[in-house]
Amino acid sequence: MNTLRNKVQLIGNLGNDPEIINLESGKTLAKFNVATNESYTNNKGEKITDTQWHNVVAWGKTAQIIEKYVTKGKEVAIEGKLTSRSYDDKDGNKRYITEIVCSELLMLGK
């Protein structure tokens, strides 16, 4: 581990159709959620599935590919980095969000 990096790799399913935003600058932005599942057996012998939801954003060519080919329910592998930011909501409350900025996407499944 000569260099530590901010790197995330996930395989999961889209929870919604991507939201595509074409900015005035000409850049394309895709926003979507990915669900990952982890299963385990509790001490009663019951199988438990824990689903985690991840906010993902993609820019440029990656966003354009997502716009064309990726829809709700599709299984994808993504690689990117974690980012955190804050914003003020419509009521003036400060909100915080952590997102994965997707740099690579691989479509899996059918």
PDB file of N, CA and C in Angstrom:
ATOM      1  N   MET A   1       0.848  -1.193   0.000  1.00  0.00           N
ATOM      2  CA  MET A   1       0.000   0.000   0.000  1.00  0.00           C
ATOM      3  C   MET A   1       0.884   1.243   0.000  1.00  0.00           C
ATOM      4  N   ASN A   2       1.581   1.428  -1.112  1.00  0.00           N
ATOM      5  CA  ASN A   2       2.461   2.593  -1.211  1.00  0.00           C
ATOM      6  C   ASN A   2       1.687   3.889  -1.181  1.00  0.00           C
ATOM      7  N   THR A   3       0.535   3.916  -1.846  1.00  0.00           N
ATOM      8  CA  THR A   3      -0.283   5.128  -1.836  1.00  0.00           C
ATOM      9  C   THR A   3      -1.709   4.754  -1.472  1.00  0.00           C
ATOM     10  N   LEU A   4      -2.210   5.374  -0.441  1.00  0.00           N
ATOM     11  CA  LEU A   4      -3.603   5.165  -0.066  1.00  0.00           C
ATOM     12  C   LEU A   4      -4.459   6.100  -0.884  1.00  0.00           C
ATOM     13  N   ARG A   5      -5.594   5.582  -1.367  1.00  0.00           N
ATOM     14  CA  ARG A   5      -6.473   6.382  -2.215  1.00  0.00           C
ATOM     15  C   ARG A   5      -7.889   6.296  -1.708  1.00  0.00           C
ATOM     16  N   ASN A   6      -8.656   7.274  -2.081  1.00  0.00           N
ATOM     17  CA  ASN A   6     -10.092   7.284  -1.830  1.00  0.00           C
ATOM     18  C   ASN A   6     -10.715   6.503  -2.981  1.00  0.00           C
ATOM     19  N   LYS A   7     -11.020   5.227  -2.760  1.00  0.00           N
ATOM     20  CA  LYS A   7     -11.523   4.381  -3.835  1.00  0.00           C
ATOM     21  C   LYS A   7     -12.676   3.523  -3.323  1.00  0.00           C
ATOM     22  N   VAL A   8     -13.754   3.470  -4.114  1.00  0.00           N
ATOM     23  CA  VAL A   8     -14.930   2.681  -3.771  1.00  0.00           C
ATOM     24  C   VAL A   8     -15.253   1.779  -4.955  1.00  0.00           C
ATOM     25  N   GLN A   9     -15.580   0.510  -4.663  1.00  0.00           N
ATOM     26  CA  GLN A   9     -16.050  -0.424  -5.677  1.00  0.00           C
ATOM     27  C   GLN A   9     -17.316  -1.076  -5.136  1.00  0.00           C
ATOM     28  N   LEU A  10     -18.388  -1.037  -5.922  1.00  0.00           N
ATOM     29  CA  LEU A  10     -19.667  -1.623  -5.513  1.00  0.00           C
ATOM     30  C   LEU A  10     -20.277  -2.408  -6.659  1.00  0.00           C
ATOM     31  N   ILE A  11     -20.977  -3.463  -6.297  1.00  0.00           N
ATOM     32  CA  ILE A  11     -21.843  -4.161  -7.239  1.00  0.00           C
ATOM     33  C   ILE A  11     -23.222  -4.146  -6.619  1.00  0.00           C
ATOM     34  N   GLY A  12     -24.196  -3.633  -7.366  1.00  0.00           N
ATOM     35  CA  GLY A  12     -25.554  -3.554  -6.842  1.00  0.00           C
ATOM     36  C   GLY A  12     -26.546  -3.272  -7.947  1.00  0.00           C
ATOM     37  N   ASN A  13     -27.778  -3.001  -7.531  1.00  0.00           N
ATOM     38  CA  ASN A  13     -28.867  -2.740  -8.470  1.00  0.00           C
ATOM     39  C   ASN A  13     -29.374  -1.315  -8.319  1.00  0.00           C
ATOM     40  N   LEU A  14     -29.703  -0.702  -9.463  1.00  0.00           N
ATOM     41  CA  LEU A  14     -30.262   0.645  -9.423  1.00  0.00           C
ATOM     42  C   LEU A  14     -31.635   0.630  -8.789  1.00  0.00           C
ATOM     43  N   GLY A  15     -31.865   1.564  -7.895  1.00  0.00           N
ATOM     44  CA  GLY A  15     -33.150   1.664  -7.209  1.00  0.00           C
ATOM     45  C   GLY A  15     -34.138   2.541  -7.947  1.00  0.00           C
ATOM     46  N   ASN A  16     -33.657   3.304  -8.918  1.00  0.00           N
ATOM     47  CA  ASN A  16     -34.522   4.185  -9.695  1.00  0.00           C
ATOM     48  C   ASN A  16     -33.872   4.439 -11.053  1.00  0.00           C
ATOM     49  N   ASP A  17     -34.651   4.980 -11.984  1.00  0.00           N
ATOM     50  CA  ASP A  17     -34.051   5.398 -13.245  1.00  0.00           C
ATOM     51  C   ASP A  17     -33.132   6.582 -12.962  1.00  0.00           C
ATOM     52  N   PRO A  18     -31.997   6.653 -13.624  1.00  0.00           N
ATOM     53  CA  PRO A  18     -31.080   7.763 -13.385  1.00  0.00           C
ATOM     54  C   PRO A  18     -31.721   9.106 -13.724  1.00  0.00           C
ATOM     55  N   GLU A  19     -31.402  10.112 -12.929  1.00  0.00           N
ATOM     56  CA  GLU A  19     -31.813  11.490 -13.227  1.00  0.00           C
ATOM     57  C   GLU A  19     -30.683  12.107 -14.039  1.00  0.00           C
ATOM     58  N   ILE A  20     -30.999  12.544 -15.248  1.00  0.00           N
ATOM     59  CA  ILE A  20     -29.992  13.112 -16.149  1.00  0.00           C
ATOM     60  C   ILE A  20     -30.170  14.621 -16.191  1.00  0.00           C
ATOM     61  N   ILE A  21     -29.073  15.341 -15.956  1.00  0.00           N
ATOM     62  CA  ILE A  21     -29.105  16.799 -15.974  1.00  0.00           C
ATOM     63  C   ILE A  21     -28.075  17.279 -16.992  1.00  0.00           C
ATOM     64  N   ASN A  22     -28.537  18.050 -17.982  1.00  0.00           N
ATOM     65  CA  ASN A  22     -27.636  18.659 -18.947  1.00  0.00           C
ATOM     66  C   ASN A  22     -27.408  20.100 -18.520  1.00  0.00           C
ATOM     67  N   LEU A  23     -26.183  20.408 -18.114  1.00  0.00           N
ATOM     68  CA  LEU A  23     -25.851  21.733 -17.590  1.00  0.00           C
ATOM     69  C   LEU A  23     -25.597  22.727 -18.720  1.00  0.00           C
ATOM     70  N   GLU A  24     -25.732  24.002 -18.391  1.00  0.00           N
ATOM     71  CA  GLU A  24     -25.517  25.059 -19.387  1.00  0.00           C
ATOM     72  C   GLU A  24     -24.108  25.020 -19.953  1.00  0.00           C
ATOM     73  N   SER A  25     -23.170  24.519 -19.162  1.00  0.00           N
ATOM     74  CA  SER A  25     -21.778  24.443 -19.609  1.00  0.00           C
ATOM     75  C   SER A  25     -21.567  23.360 -20.664  1.00  0.00           C
ATOM     76  N   GLY A  26     -22.603  22.533 -20.889  1.00  0.00           N
ATOM     77  CA  GLY A  26     -22.495  21.452 -21.856  1.00  0.00           C
ATOM     78  C   GLY A  26     -22.174  20.113 -21.204  1.00  0.00           C
ATOM     79  N   LYS A  27     -21.896  20.119 -19.912  1.00  0.00           N
ATOM     80  CA  LYS A  27     -21.595  18.874 -19.204  1.00  0.00           C
ATOM     81  C   LYS A  27     -22.877  18.111 -18.892  1.00  0.00           C
ATOM     82  N   THR A  28     -22.759  16.796 -18.823  1.00  0.00           N
ATOM     83  CA  THR A  28     -23.893  15.933 -18.479  1.00  0.00           C
ATOM     84  C   THR A  28     -23.640  15.323 -17.103  1.00  0.00           C
ATOM     85  N   LEU A  29     -24.683  15.305 -16.285  1.00  0.00           N
ATOM     86  CA  LEU A  29     -24.619  14.748 -14.936  1.00  0.00           C
ATOM     87  C   LEU A  29     -25.696  13.678 -14.805  1.00  0.00           C
ATOM     88  N   ALA A  30     -25.329  12.529 -14.251  1.00  0.00           N
ATOM     89  CA  ALA A  30     -26.300  11.473 -13.958  1.00  0.00           C
ATOM     90  C   ALA A  30     -26.295  11.237 -12.450  1.00  0.00           C
ATOM     91  N   LYS A  31     -27.492  11.178 -11.850  1.00  0.00           N
ATOM     92  CA  LYS A  31     -27.641  10.890 -10.425  1.00  0.00           C
ATOM     93  C   LYS A  31     -28.521   9.661 -10.285  1.00  0.00           C
ATOM     94  N   PHE A  32     -28.107   8.725  -9.432  1.00  0.00           N
ATOM     95  CA  PHE A  32     -28.907   7.531  -9.200  1.00  0.00           C
ATOM     96  C   PHE A  32     -28.517   6.889  -7.877  1.00  0.00           C
ATOM     97  N   ASN A  33     -29.326   5.930  -7.430  1.00  0.00           N
ATOM     98  CA  ASN A  33     -29.069   5.182  -6.208  1.00  0.00           C
ATOM     99  C   ASN A  33     -28.775   3.738  -6.556  1.00  0.00           C
ATOM    100  N   VAL A  34     -27.831   3.149  -5.822  1.00  0.00           N
ATOM    101  CA  VAL A  34     -27.497   1.737  -5.988  1.00  0.00           C
ATOM    102  C   VAL A  34     -27.721   1.046  -4.652  1.00  0.00           C
ATOM    103  N   ALA A  35     -28.400  -0.103  -4.706  1.00  0.00           N
ATOM    104  CA  ALA A  35     -28.635  -0.916  -3.507  1.00  0.00           C
ATOM    105  C   ALA A  35     -27.663  -2.084  -3.491  1.00  0.00           C
ATOM    106  N   THR A  36     -27.023  -2.288  -2.338  1.00  0.00           N
ATOM    107  CA  THR A  36     -26.188  -3.469  -2.145  1.00  0.00           C
ATOM    108  C   THR A  36     -26.800  -4.294  -1.019  1.00  0.00           C
ATOM    109  N   ASN A  37     -26.717  -5.602  -1.143  1.00  0.00           N
ATOM    110  CA  ASN A  37     -27.304  -6.511  -0.153  1.00  0.00           C
ATOM    111  C   ASN A  37     -26.229  -7.364   0.494  1.00  0.00           C
ATOM    112  N   GLU A  38     -26.372  -7.542   1.803  1.00  0.00           N
ATOM    113  CA  GLU A  38     -25.498  -8.440   2.550  1.00  0.00           C
ATOM    114  C   GLU A  38     -26.397  -9.357   3.355  1.00  0.00           C
ATOM    115  N   SER A  39     -26.170 -10.666   3.259  1.00  0.00           N
ATOM    116  CA  SER A  39     -26.996 -11.633   3.977  1.00  0.00           C
ATOM    117  C   SER A  39     -26.177 -12.321   5.054  1.00  0.00           C
ATOM    118  N   TYR A  40     -26.840 -12.608   6.157  1.00  0.00           N
ATOM    119  CA  TYR A  40     -26.212 -13.350   7.240  1.00  0.00           C
ATOM    120  C   TYR A  40     -27.291 -14.102   8.003  1.00  0.00           C
ATOM    121  N   THR A  41     -26.866 -15.041   8.833  1.00  0.00           N
ATOM    122  CA  THR A  41     -27.791 -15.811   9.653  1.00  0.00           C
ATOM    123  C   THR A  41     -27.656 -15.339  11.092  1.00  0.00           C
ATOM    124  N   ASN A  42     -28.778 -14.946  11.692  1.00  0.00           N
ATOM    125  CA  ASN A  42     -28.725 -14.476  13.078  1.00  0.00           C
ATOM    126  C   ASN A  42     -28.643 -15.661  14.039  1.00  0.00           C
ATOM    127  N   ASN A  43     -28.588 -15.355  15.353  1.00  0.00           N
ATOM    128  CA  ASN A  43     -28.411 -16.425  16.343  1.00  0.00           C
ATOM    129  C   ASN A  43     -29.639 -17.327  16.476  1.00  0.00           C
ATOM    130  N   LYS A  44     -30.763 -16.972  15.850  1.00  0.00           N
ATOM    131  CA  LYS A  44     -31.962 -17.819  15.840  1.00  0.00           C
ATOM    132  C   LYS A  44     -32.009 -18.706  14.594  1.00  0.00           C
ATOM    133  N   GLY A  45     -30.995 -18.586  13.726  1.00  0.00           N
ATOM    134  CA  GLY A  45     -30.947 -19.383  12.507  1.00  0.00           C
ATOM    135  C   GLY A  45     -31.716 -18.784  11.347  1.00  0.00           C
ATOM    136  N   GLU A  46     -32.174 -17.542  11.502  1.00  0.00           N
ATOM    137  CA  GLU A  46     -32.940 -16.883  10.440  1.00  0.00           C
ATOM    138  C   GLU A  46     -31.990 -16.143   9.498  1.00  0.00           C
ATOM    139  N   LYS A  47     -32.290 -16.244   8.212  1.00  0.00           N
ATOM    140  CA  LYS A  47     -31.489 -15.507   7.225  1.00  0.00           C
ATOM    141  C   LYS A  47     -31.959 -14.057   7.208  1.00  0.00           C
ATOM    142  N   ILE A  48     -31.021 -13.152   7.400  1.00  0.00           N
ATOM    143  CA  ILE A  48     -31.305 -11.719   7.418  1.00  0.00           C
ATOM    144  C   ILE A  48     -30.587 -11.074   6.234  1.00  0.00           C
ATOM    145  N   THR A  49     -31.297 -10.241   5.485  1.00  0.00           N
ATOM    146  CA  THR A  49     -30.690  -9.490   4.386  1.00  0.00           C
ATOM    147  C   THR A  49     -30.689  -8.018   4.757  1.00  0.00           C
ATOM    148  N   ASP A  50     -29.508  -7.435   4.730  1.00  0.00           N
ATOM    149  CA  ASP A  50     -29.337  -6.010   5.041  1.00  0.00           C
ATOM    150  C   ASP A  50     -29.072  -5.272   3.733  1.00  0.00           C
ATOM    151  N   THR A  51     -29.941  -4.333   3.404  1.00  0.00           N
ATOM    152  CA  THR A  51     -29.783  -3.549   2.175  1.00  0.00           C
ATOM    153  C   THR A  51     -29.269  -2.162   2.517  1.00  0.00           C
ATOM    154  N   GLN A  52     -28.213  -1.751   1.841  1.00  0.00           N
ATOM    155  CA  GLN A  52     -27.655  -0.408   1.995  1.00  0.00           C
ATOM    156  C   GLN A  52     -27.857   0.348   0.684  1.00  0.00           C
ATOM    157  N   TRP A  53     -28.233   1.621   0.796  1.00  0.00           N
ATOM    158  CA  TRP A  53     -28.445   2.461  -0.383  1.00  0.00           C
ATOM    159  C   TRP A  53     -27.305   3.459  -0.502  1.00  0.00           C
ATOM    160  N   HIS A  54     -26.803   3.617  -1.727  1.00  0.00           N
ATOM    161  CA  HIS A  54     -25.661   4.483  -1.988  1.00  0.00           C
ATOM    162  C   HIS A  54     -26.045   5.511  -3.049  1.00  0.00           C
ATOM    163  N   ASN A  55     -25.785   6.784  -2.759  1.00  0.00           N
ATOM    164  CA  ASN A  55     -26.008   7.856  -3.736  1.00  0.00           C
ATOM    165  C   ASN A  55     -24.806   7.897  -4.674  1.00  0.00           C
ATOM    166  N   VAL A  56     -25.083   7.918  -5.974  1.00  0.00           N
ATOM    167  CA  VAL A  56     -24.016   7.900  -6.978  1.00  0.00           C
ATOM    168  C   VAL A  56     -24.244   9.038  -7.966  1.00  0.00           C
ATOM    169  N   VAL A  57     -23.159   9.704  -8.355  1.00  0.00           N
ATOM    170  CA  VAL A  57     -23.207  10.704  -9.429  1.00  0.00           C
ATOM    171  C   VAL A  57     -22.132  10.358 -10.452  1.00  0.00           C
ATOM    172  N   ALA A  58     -22.410  10.653 -11.703  1.00  0.00           N
ATOM    173  CA  ALA A  58     -21.450  10.423 -12.783  1.00  0.00           C
ATOM    174  C   ALA A  58     -21.485  11.620 -13.718  1.00  0.00           C
ATOM    175  N   TRP A  59     -20.340  11.924 -14.296  1.00  0.00           N
ATOM    176  CA  TRP A  59     -20.203  13.078 -15.184  1.00  0.00           C
ATOM    177  C   TRP A  59     -19.773  12.648 -16.578  1.00  0.00           C
ATOM    178  N   GLY A  60     -19.990  13.529 -17.537  1.00  0.00           N
ATOM    179  CA  GLY A  60     -19.426  13.389 -18.878  1.00  0.00           C
ATOM    180  C   GLY A  60     -19.846  12.142 -19.626  1.00  0.00           C
ATOM    181  N   LYS A  61     -18.851  11.462 -20.219  1.00  0.00           N
ATOM    182  CA  LYS A  61     -19.125  10.276 -21.042  1.00  0.00           C
ATOM    183  C   LYS A  61     -19.788   9.176 -20.226  1.00  0.00           C
ATOM    184  N   THR A  62     -19.363   9.015 -18.981  1.00  0.00           N
ATOM    185  CA  THR A  62     -19.972   7.993 -18.124  1.00  0.00           C
ATOM    186  C   THR A  62     -21.455   8.292 -17.941  1.00  0.00           C
ATOM    187  N   ALA A  63     -21.796   9.550 -17.715  1.00  0.00           N
ATOM    188  CA  ALA A  63     -23.199   9.949 -17.558  1.00  0.00           C
ATOM    189  C   ALA A  63     -23.988   9.706 -18.843  1.00  0.00           C
ATOM    190  N   GLN A  64     -23.378   9.937 -19.980  1.00  0.00           N
ATOM    191  CA  GLN A  64     -24.059   9.718 -21.260  1.00  0.00           C
ATOM    192  C   GLN A  64     -24.330   8.230 -21.491  1.00  0.00           C
ATOM    193  N   ILE A  65     -23.393   7.378 -21.098  1.00  0.00           N
ATOM    194  CA  ILE A  65     -23.608   5.929 -21.215  1.00  0.00           C
ATOM    195  C   ILE A  65     -24.740   5.498 -20.288  1.00  0.00           C
ATOM    196  N   ILE A  66     -24.738   6.024 -19.077  1.00  0.00           N
ATOM    197  CA  ILE A  66     -25.798   5.709 -18.115  1.00  0.00           C
ATOM    198  C   ILE A  66     -27.154   6.138 -18.671  1.00  0.00           C
ATOM    199  N   GLU A  67     -27.218   7.324 -19.269  1.00  0.00           N
ATOM    200  CA  GLU A  67     -28.473   7.826 -19.839  1.00  0.00           C
ATOM    201  C   GLU A  67     -29.013   6.871 -20.904  1.00  0.00           C
ATOM    202  N   LYS A  68     -28.128   6.322 -21.731  1.00  0.00           N
ATOM    203  CA  LYS A  68     -28.556   5.462 -22.839  1.00  0.00           C
ATOM    204  C   LYS A  68     -28.931   4.050 -22.412  1.00  0.00           C
ATOM    205  N   TYR A  69     -28.179   3.473 -21.471  1.00  0.00           N
ATOM    206  CA  TYR A  69     -28.261   2.035 -21.267  1.00  0.00           C
ATOM    207  C   TYR A  69     -28.694   1.568 -19.877  1.00  0.00           C
ATOM    208  N   VAL A  70     -28.705   2.431 -18.886  1.00  0.00           N
ATOM    209  CA  VAL A  70     -28.933   1.980 -17.514  1.00  0.00           C
ATOM    210  C   VAL A  70     -30.313   2.427 -17.025  1.00  0.00           C
ATOM    211  N   THR A  71     -31.076   1.477 -16.486  1.00  0.00           N
ATOM    212  CA  THR A  71     -32.421   1.764 -15.978  1.00  0.00           C
ATOM    213  C   THR A  71     -32.609   1.106 -14.612  1.00  0.00           C
ATOM    214  N   LYS A  72     -33.712   1.447 -13.987  1.00  0.00           N
ATOM    215  CA  LYS A  72     -34.056   0.909 -12.671  1.00  0.00           C
ATOM    216  C   LYS A  72     -33.974  -0.616 -12.672  1.00  0.00           C
ATOM    217  N   GLY A  73     -33.363  -1.171 -11.616  1.00  0.00           N
ATOM    218  CA  GLY A  73     -33.270  -2.614 -11.463  1.00  0.00           C
ATOM    219  C   GLY A  73     -32.032  -3.249 -12.078  1.00  0.00           C
ATOM    220  N   LYS A  74     -31.357  -2.535 -12.983  1.00  0.00           N
ATOM    221  CA  LYS A  74     -30.167  -3.096 -13.641  1.00  0.00           C
ATOM    222  C   LYS A  74     -29.047  -3.305 -12.634  1.00  0.00           C
ATOM    223  N   GLU A  75     -28.323  -4.420 -12.807  1.00  0.00           N
ATOM    224  CA  GLU A  75     -27.165  -4.683 -11.957  1.00  0.00           C
ATOM    225  C   GLU A  75     -25.939  -4.030 -12.586  1.00  0.00           C
ATOM    226  N   VAL A  76     -25.190  -3.299 -11.774  1.00  0.00           N
ATOM    227  CA  VAL A  76     -24.011  -2.591 -12.254  1.00  0.00           C
ATOM    228  C   VAL A  76     -22.862  -2.763 -11.270  1.00  0.00           C
ATOM    229  N   ALA A  77     -21.658  -2.662 -11.793  1.00  0.00           N
ATOM    230  CA  ALA A  77     -20.454  -2.559 -10.974  1.00  0.00           C
ATOM    231  C   ALA A  77     -19.944  -1.138 -11.194  1.00  0.00           C
ATOM    232  N   ILE A  78     -19.684  -0.440 -10.102  1.00  0.00           N
ATOM    233  CA  ILE A  78     -19.174   0.917 -10.236  1.00  0.00           C
ATOM    234  C   ILE A  78     -17.871   1.059  -9.456  1.00  0.00           C
ATOM    235  N   GLU A  79     -17.049   1.961  -9.942  1.00  0.00           N
ATOM    236  CA  GLU A  79     -15.824   2.321  -9.240  1.00  0.00           C
ATOM    237  C   GLU A  79     -15.768   3.828  -9.211  1.00  0.00           C
ATOM    238  N   GLY A  80     -15.350   4.371  -8.084  1.00  0.00           N
ATOM    239  CA  GLY A  80     -15.255   5.814  -7.968  1.00  0.00           C
ATOM    240  C   GLY A  80     -14.657   6.207  -6.643  1.00  0.00           C
ATOM    241  N   LYS A  81     -14.997   7.415  -6.190  1.00  0.00           N
ATOM    242  CA  LYS A  81     -14.478   7.907  -4.912  1.00  0.00           C
ATOM    243  C   LYS A  81     -15.610   8.501  -4.088  1.00  0.00           C
ATOM    244  N   LEU A  82     -15.430   8.493  -2.777  1.00  0.00           N
ATOM    245  CA  LEU A  82     -16.412   9.082  -1.865  1.00  0.00           C
ATOM    246  C   LEU A  82     -16.197  10.573  -1.765  1.00  0.00           C
ATOM    247  N   THR A  83     -17.295  11.315  -1.819  1.00  0.00           N
ATOM    248  CA  THR A  83     -17.241  12.758  -1.581  1.00  0.00           C
ATOM    249  C   THR A  83     -18.359  13.131  -0.626  1.00  0.00           C
ATOM    250  N   SER A  84     -18.122  14.150   0.162  1.00  0.00           N
ATOM    251  CA  SER A  84     -19.139  14.680   1.070  1.00  0.00           C
ATOM    252  C   SER A  84     -19.309  16.153   0.783  1.00  0.00           C
ATOM    253  N   ARG A  85     -20.543  16.612   0.879  1.00  0.00           N
ATOM    254  CA  ARG A  85     -20.828  18.032   0.653  1.00  0.00           C
ATOM    255  C   ARG A  85     -22.025  18.428   1.489  1.00  0.00           C
ATOM    256  N   SER A  86     -22.242  19.722   1.592  1.00  0.00           N
ATOM    257  CA  SER A  86     -23.408  20.223   2.323  1.00  0.00           C
ATOM    258  C   SER A  86     -24.153  21.214   1.442  1.00  0.00           C
ATOM    259  N   TYR A  87     -25.422  21.393   1.758  1.00  0.00           N
ATOM    260  CA  TYR A  87     -26.247  22.363   1.045  1.00  0.00           C
ATOM    261  C   TYR A  87     -27.355  22.822   1.987  1.00  0.00           C
ATOM    262  N   ASP A  88     -27.995  23.932   1.641  1.00  0.00           N
ATOM    263  CA  ASP A  88     -29.121  24.434   2.419  1.00  0.00           C
ATOM    264  C   ASP A  88     -30.408  24.029   1.715  1.00  0.00           C
ATOM    265  N   ASP A  89     -31.330  23.388   2.440  1.00  0.00           N
ATOM    266  CA  ASP A  89     -32.598  22.987   1.842  1.00  0.00           C
ATOM    267  C   ASP A  89     -33.531  24.191   1.726  1.00  0.00           C
ATOM    268  N   LYS A  90     -34.736  23.961   1.204  1.00  0.00           N
ATOM    269  CA  LYS A  90     -35.663  25.080   0.938  1.00  0.00           C
ATOM    270  C   LYS A  90     -36.097  25.797   2.207  1.00  0.00           C
ATOM    271  N   ASP A  91     -35.961  25.129   3.381  1.00  0.00           N
ATOM    272  CA  ASP A  91     -36.313  25.759   4.654  1.00  0.00           C
ATOM    273  C   ASP A  91     -35.122  26.413   5.327  1.00  0.00           C
ATOM    274  N   GLY A  92     -33.979  26.400   4.659  1.00  0.00           N
ATOM    275  CA  GLY A  92     -32.786  27.033   5.207  1.00  0.00           C
ATOM    276  C   GLY A  92     -31.975  26.139   6.138  1.00  0.00           C
ATOM    277  N   ASN A  93     -32.344  24.865   6.234  1.00  0.00           N
ATOM    278  CA  ASN A  93     -31.591  23.929   7.083  1.00  0.00           C
ATOM    279  C   ASN A  93     -30.387  23.396   6.326  1.00  0.00           C
ATOM    280  N   LYS A  94     -29.257  23.285   7.025  1.00  0.00           N
ATOM    281  CA  LYS A  94     -28.055  22.747   6.401  1.00  0.00           C
ATOM    282  C   LYS A  94     -28.169  21.225   6.350  1.00  0.00           C
ATOM    283  N   ARG A  95     -27.973  20.655   5.172  1.00  0.00           N
ATOM    284  CA  ARG A  95     -28.036  19.208   4.954  1.00  0.00           C
ATOM    285  C   ARG A  95     -26.668  18.720   4.476  1.00  0.00           C
ATOM    286  N   TYR A  96     -26.357  17.498   4.846  1.00  0.00           N
ATOM    287  CA  TYR A  96     -25.092  16.893   4.455  1.00  0.00           C
ATOM    288  C   TYR A  96     -25.382  15.633   3.649  1.00  0.00           C
ATOM    289  N   ILE A  97     -24.547  15.390   2.652  1.00  0.00           N
ATOM    290  CA  ILE A  97     -24.739  14.208   1.808  1.00  0.00           C
ATOM    291  C   ILE A  97     -23.368  13.630   1.460  1.00  0.00           C
ATOM    292  N   THR A  98     -23.302  12.306   1.449  1.00  0.00           N
ATOM    293  CA  THR A  98     -22.115  11.601   0.987  1.00  0.00           C
ATOM    294  C   THR A  98     -22.498  10.860  -0.286  1.00  0.00           C
ATOM    295  N   GLU A  99     -21.683  11.033  -1.315  1.00  0.00           N
ATOM    296  CA  GLU A  99     -21.968  10.441  -2.621  1.00  0.00           C
ATOM    297  C   GLU A  99     -20.734   9.717  -3.131  1.00  0.00           C
ATOM    298  N   ILE A 100     -20.970   8.815  -4.061  1.00  0.00           N
ATOM    299  CA  ILE A 100     -19.890   8.183  -4.793  1.00  0.00           C
ATOM    300  C   ILE A 100     -19.832   8.852  -6.156  1.00  0.00           C
ATOM    301  N   VAL A 101     -18.684   9.411  -6.499  1.00  0.00           N
ATOM    302  CA  VAL A 101     -18.486   9.969  -7.833  1.00  0.00           C
ATOM    303  C   VAL A 101     -17.932   8.845  -8.693  1.00  0.00           C
ATOM    304  N   CYS A 102     -18.779   8.384  -9.613  1.00  0.00           N
ATOM    305  CA  CYS A 102     -18.466   7.209 -10.435  1.00  0.00           C
ATOM    306  C   CYS A 102     -17.497   7.586 -11.554  1.00  0.00           C
ATOM    307  N   SER A 103     -16.380   6.856 -11.603  1.00  0.00           N
ATOM    308  CA  SER A 103     -15.416   7.070 -12.697  1.00  0.00           C
ATOM    309  C   SER A 103     -15.474   5.948 -13.724  1.00  0.00           C
ATOM    310  N   GLU A 104     -15.923   4.758 -13.289  1.00  0.00           N
ATOM    311  CA  GLU A 104     -16.067   3.629 -14.218  1.00  0.00           C
ATOM    312  C   GLU A 104     -17.335   2.872 -13.891  1.00  0.00           C
ATOM    313  N   LEU A 105     -17.989   2.382 -14.935  1.00  0.00           N
ATOM    314  CA  LEU A 105     -19.239   1.636 -14.773  1.00  0.00           C
ATOM    315  C   LEU A 105     -19.204   0.410 -15.672  1.00  0.00           C
ATOM    316  N   LEU A 106     -19.630  -0.717 -15.126  1.00  0.00           N
ATOM    317  CA  LEU A 106     -19.737  -1.950 -15.888  1.00  0.00           C
ATOM    318  C   LEU A 106     -21.147  -2.474 -15.722  1.00  0.00           C
ATOM    319  N   MET A 107     -21.848  -2.695 -16.830  1.00  0.00           N
ATOM    320  CA  MET A 107     -23.198  -3.227 -16.774  1.00  0.00           C
ATOM    321  C   MET A 107     -23.122  -4.744 -16.664  1.00  0.00           C
ATOM    322  N   LEU A 108     -23.818  -5.298 -15.695  1.00  0.00           N
ATOM    323  CA  LEU A 108     -23.802  -6.739 -15.445  1.00  0.00           C
ATOM    324  C   LEU A 108     -25.164  -7.316 -15.749  1.00  0.00           C
ATOM    325  N   GLY A 109     -25.287  -8.621 -15.692  1.00  0.00           N
ATOM    326  CA  GLY A 109     -26.584  -9.269 -15.878  1.00  0.00           C
ATOM    327  C   GLY A 109     -27.041  -9.215 -17.320  1.00  0.00           C
ATOM    328  N   LYS A 110     -28.368  -9.313 -17.477  1.00  0.00           N
ATOM    329  CA  LYS A 110     -28.976  -9.408 -18.804  1.00  0.00           C
ATOM    330  C   LYS A 110     -29.017  -8.071 -19.498  1.00  0.00           C
TER     331      LYS A 110
END
